[in-house]
Amino acid sequence: MKNAVLLVGTWIGILLFAYALVYLPGDRLPLVEPAADVDVANESDGWAVPVPVGWRMRSAEAVHLLIPPVVGVDVWTLAVAATDPEEALSQAWEVVLPCSSCERSPIVEVSAAGGGREGATFRLGPDGEGRTGLAVVLVSIDGSRVLLVRRTTDATLPGRVEDDLLRIVAGFRALPIVPAEAAEA
């Protein structure tokens, strides 16, 4: 008899739960917020960047690559010694794509980095492979932090990835460099 009562009680609970899901007004259901960007800081190179949900970050020597959830766009972050924005961009290209005979993306437009950041934003025209891009160079006393974005010309990026790129560019910022010895102590 106890088993029958337990079974009937379980079925009534299931029915009430299903009824509540179907017939309760939508404004009373709990909403799940989307996951937020993860802010990655590299204190030894002196930069921080938001990494959106679905993106990954991989480090290789002096370059850090943000890997998007789709193909057609490459994003790198790195630190260089130059304190002039154009020279810093040139040094960044040499680190990211070391090719003396390659045709680099020409600078199409230069503007201030914006957002209270010291430096410049460069719009880049098509390179030897037809890729366009954008570079944010943040200048400080001890060098520059560079964010390079390179896109294929035929890449049609989903709106979410375009929004992610805007947040990455706007959220890229310089930090004071902390020597590796001090960070470990």
Protein backbone atom coordinates (compact mmCIF):
# COMPACT_ATOMS: atom_id res chain seq x y z
CA MET A 1 0.00 0.00 0.00
CA LYS A 2 2.86 2.39 0.80
CA ASN A 3 4.35 1.78 -2.65
CA ALA A 4 1.04 2.62 -4.34
CA VAL A 5 0.71 5.88 -2.39
CA LEU A 6 4.34 6.79 -3.22
CA LEU A 7 3.76 6.04 -6.92
CA VAL A 8 0.54 8.09 -7.04
CA GLY A 9 2.28 10.99 -5.22
CA THR A 10 5.16 10.92 -7.72
CA TRP A 11 2.77 11.03 -10.68
CA ILE A 12 0.81 13.91 -9.17
CA GLY A 13 4.07 15.82 -8.64
CA ILE A 14 5.10 15.25 -12.25
CA LEU A 15 1.71 16.40 -13.53
CA LEU A 16 1.76 19.55 -11.39
CA PHE A 17 5.28 20.37 -12.56
CA ALA A 18 4.33 19.90 -16.22
CA TYR A 19 1.18 21.99 -15.70
CA ALA A 20 3.26 24.78 -14.14
CA LEU A 21 5.69 24.80 -17.06
CA VAL A 22 2.94 25.00 -19.65
CA TYR A 23 0.37 27.28 -18.03
CA LEU A 24 2.31 29.71 -15.82
CA PRO A 25 2.87 33.14 -17.40
CA GLY A 26 6.27 33.56 -19.04
CA ASP A 27 7.19 36.58 -16.94
CA ARG A 28 7.25 34.38 -13.82
CA LEU A 29 9.72 31.89 -15.27
CA PRO A 30 13.35 32.40 -14.25
CA LEU A 31 15.58 33.71 -17.03
CA VAL A 32 19.09 32.44 -17.53
CA GLU A 33 21.55 35.22 -18.33
CA PRO A 34 24.05 34.52 -21.12
CA ALA A 35 27.57 33.82 -20.00
CA ALA A 36 29.79 36.90 -19.81
CA ASP A 37 33.11 37.54 -21.51
CA VAL A 38 36.19 36.37 -19.65
CA ASP A 39 38.75 39.12 -19.12
CA VAL A 40 42.23 37.74 -19.77
CA ALA A 41 45.14 39.75 -18.41
CA ASN A 42 48.77 39.17 -19.30
CA GLU A 43 50.74 41.06 -16.68
CA SER A 44 54.16 40.12 -18.07
CA ASP A 45 53.28 41.71 -21.45
CA GLY A 46 51.07 44.41 -19.93
CA TRP A 47 47.70 43.98 -21.66
CA ALA A 48 44.19 42.74 -20.98
CA VAL A 49 41.50 41.70 -23.44
CA PRO A 50 37.96 40.35 -23.16
CA VAL A 51 37.56 36.85 -24.57
CA PRO A 52 33.92 36.28 -25.58
CA VAL A 53 32.01 33.07 -24.98
CA GLY A 54 32.90 30.55 -27.67
CA TRP A 55 36.34 32.05 -28.31
CA ARG A 56 39.59 30.51 -27.05
CA MET A 57 43.02 31.93 -26.38
CA ARG A 58 46.25 30.18 -27.30
CA SER A 59 49.73 31.47 -26.46
CA ALA A 60 52.81 30.92 -28.61
CA GLU A 61 56.05 32.59 -27.53
CA ALA A 62 55.50 36.38 -27.78
CA VAL A 63 52.08 36.19 -29.50
CA HIS A 64 48.67 35.33 -28.10
CA LEU A 65 46.03 34.23 -30.57
CA LEU A 66 42.31 34.64 -29.95
CA ILE A 67 40.58 31.83 -31.80
CA PRO A 68 37.04 32.65 -32.95
CA PRO A 69 34.22 30.11 -33.28
CA VAL A 70 34.24 30.62 -37.08
CA VAL A 71 36.88 30.84 -39.81
CA GLY A 72 37.77 33.99 -41.70
CA VAL A 73 39.20 36.17 -38.95
CA ASP A 74 42.47 36.09 -36.98
CA VAL A 75 43.10 38.09 -33.81
CA TRP A 76 46.47 38.49 -32.09
CA THR A 77 47.68 40.37 -29.02
CA LEU A 78 51.30 41.11 -28.23
CA ALA A 79 53.70 43.61 -26.71
CA VAL A 80 56.50 45.32 -28.65
CA ALA A 81 59.31 47.67 -27.62
CA ALA A 82 58.46 50.63 -29.91
CA THR A 83 56.68 53.66 -28.46
CA ASP A 84 55.67 55.18 -31.81
CA PRO A 85 52.32 53.71 -32.96
CA GLU A 86 53.36 53.13 -36.60
CA GLU A 87 56.71 51.62 -35.60
CA ALA A 88 54.91 49.41 -33.04
CA LEU A 89 52.53 48.20 -35.77
CA SER A 90 55.50 47.39 -38.01
CA GLN A 91 57.22 45.46 -35.20
CA ALA A 92 53.98 43.59 -34.45
CA TRP A 93 53.69 42.47 -38.10
CA GLU A 94 57.25 41.14 -37.95
CA VAL A 95 56.40 39.07 -34.88
CA VAL A 96 53.00 37.83 -36.07
CA LEU A 97 53.83 37.22 -39.75
CA PRO A 98 57.63 37.26 -40.20
CA CYS A 99 57.96 37.50 -43.98
CA SER A 100 60.27 40.10 -45.50
CA SER A 101 58.88 39.64 -49.02
CA CYS A 102 55.20 39.67 -47.97
CA GLU A 103 53.05 42.63 -48.88
CA ARG A 104 51.79 44.15 -45.63
CA SER A 105 48.37 45.69 -45.26
CA PRO A 106 48.58 49.41 -46.06
CA ILE A 107 47.28 51.87 -43.48
CA VAL A 108 44.03 53.32 -44.82
CA GLU A 109 42.93 55.39 -41.84
CA VAL A 110 44.39 56.40 -38.47
CA SER A 111 42.36 57.55 -35.47
CA ALA A 112 42.83 57.88 -31.73
CA ALA A 113 42.50 54.65 -29.75
CA GLY A 114 39.55 56.15 -27.84
CA GLY A 115 38.02 55.08 -24.57
CA GLY A 116 40.63 56.96 -22.55
CA ARG A 117 43.40 54.83 -24.06
CA GLU A 118 46.67 56.39 -25.24
CA GLY A 119 47.53 55.25 -28.76
CA ALA A 120 46.05 54.81 -32.21
CA THR A 121 43.64 52.65 -34.17
CA PHE A 122 44.64 51.76 -37.73
CA ARG A 123 42.25 50.61 -40.46
CA LEU A 124 44.22 48.35 -42.76
CA GLY A 125 43.61 47.86 -46.49
CA PRO A 126 44.04 44.59 -48.41
CA ASP A 127 47.42 42.89 -48.09
CA GLY A 128 49.09 40.55 -50.59
CA GLU A 129 46.49 37.86 -49.79
CA GLY A 130 43.56 40.28 -50.01
CA ARG A 131 42.99 40.33 -46.25
CA THR A 132 41.92 43.55 -44.57
CA GLY A 133 42.25 44.40 -40.94
CA LEU A 134 42.36 46.62 -37.95
CA ALA A 135 45.10 47.30 -35.41
CA VAL A 136 44.89 48.93 -32.00
CA VAL A 137 48.23 50.16 -30.69
CA LEU A 138 48.30 51.30 -27.06
CA VAL A 139 51.45 53.24 -26.23
CA SER A 140 53.12 53.56 -22.83
CA ILE A 141 56.55 54.45 -21.51
CA ASP A 142 57.81 50.86 -21.61
CA GLY A 143 56.58 49.98 -25.12
CA SER A 144 53.32 49.29 -26.90
CA ARG A 145 50.57 46.72 -26.69
CA VAL A 146 49.12 45.71 -30.04
CA LEU A 147 45.87 44.04 -31.02
CA LEU A 148 45.83 42.89 -34.66
CA VAL A 149 42.66 41.75 -36.44
CA ARG A 150 42.96 40.26 -39.90
CA ARG A 151 39.92 39.24 -42.01
CA THR A 152 39.57 37.38 -45.26
CA THR A 153 37.73 39.37 -47.91
CA ASP A 154 35.12 36.69 -48.60
CA ALA A 155 34.38 35.96 -44.94
CA THR A 156 30.81 36.67 -43.95
CA LEU A 157 30.87 36.69 -40.18
CA PRO A 158 27.72 36.08 -38.13
CA GLY A 159 26.40 39.12 -36.27
CA ARG A 160 27.42 37.60 -32.94
CA VAL A 161 31.06 37.30 -34.06
CA GLU A 162 31.00 40.89 -35.39
CA ASP A 163 29.71 42.02 -31.98
CA ASP A 164 32.42 39.94 -30.28
CA LEU A 165 35.08 41.69 -32.38
CA LEU A 166 33.72 45.10 -31.42
CA ARG A 167 33.88 44.16 -27.71
CA ILE A 168 37.41 42.80 -28.09
CA VAL A 169 38.65 45.98 -29.81
CA ALA A 170 36.89 48.27 -27.33
CA GLY A 171 37.99 46.22 -24.30
CA PHE A 172 41.66 45.83 -25.24
CA ARG A 173 43.72 47.82 -22.75
CA ALA A 174 47.26 48.32 -21.52
CA LEU A 175 48.35 47.31 -18.03
CA PRO A 176 51.54 48.07 -16.15
CA ILE A 177 54.08 45.37 -16.92
CA VAL A 178 54.85 43.14 -13.95
CA PRO A 179 58.20 41.34 -14.26
CA ALA A 180 57.89 37.55 -14.13
CA GLU A 181 59.99 37.39 -10.93
CA ALA A 182 57.65 39.82 -9.13
CA ALA A 183 54.54 37.94 -10.30
CA GLU A 184 55.86 34.65 -8.90
CA ALA A 185 56.77 36.14 -5.49
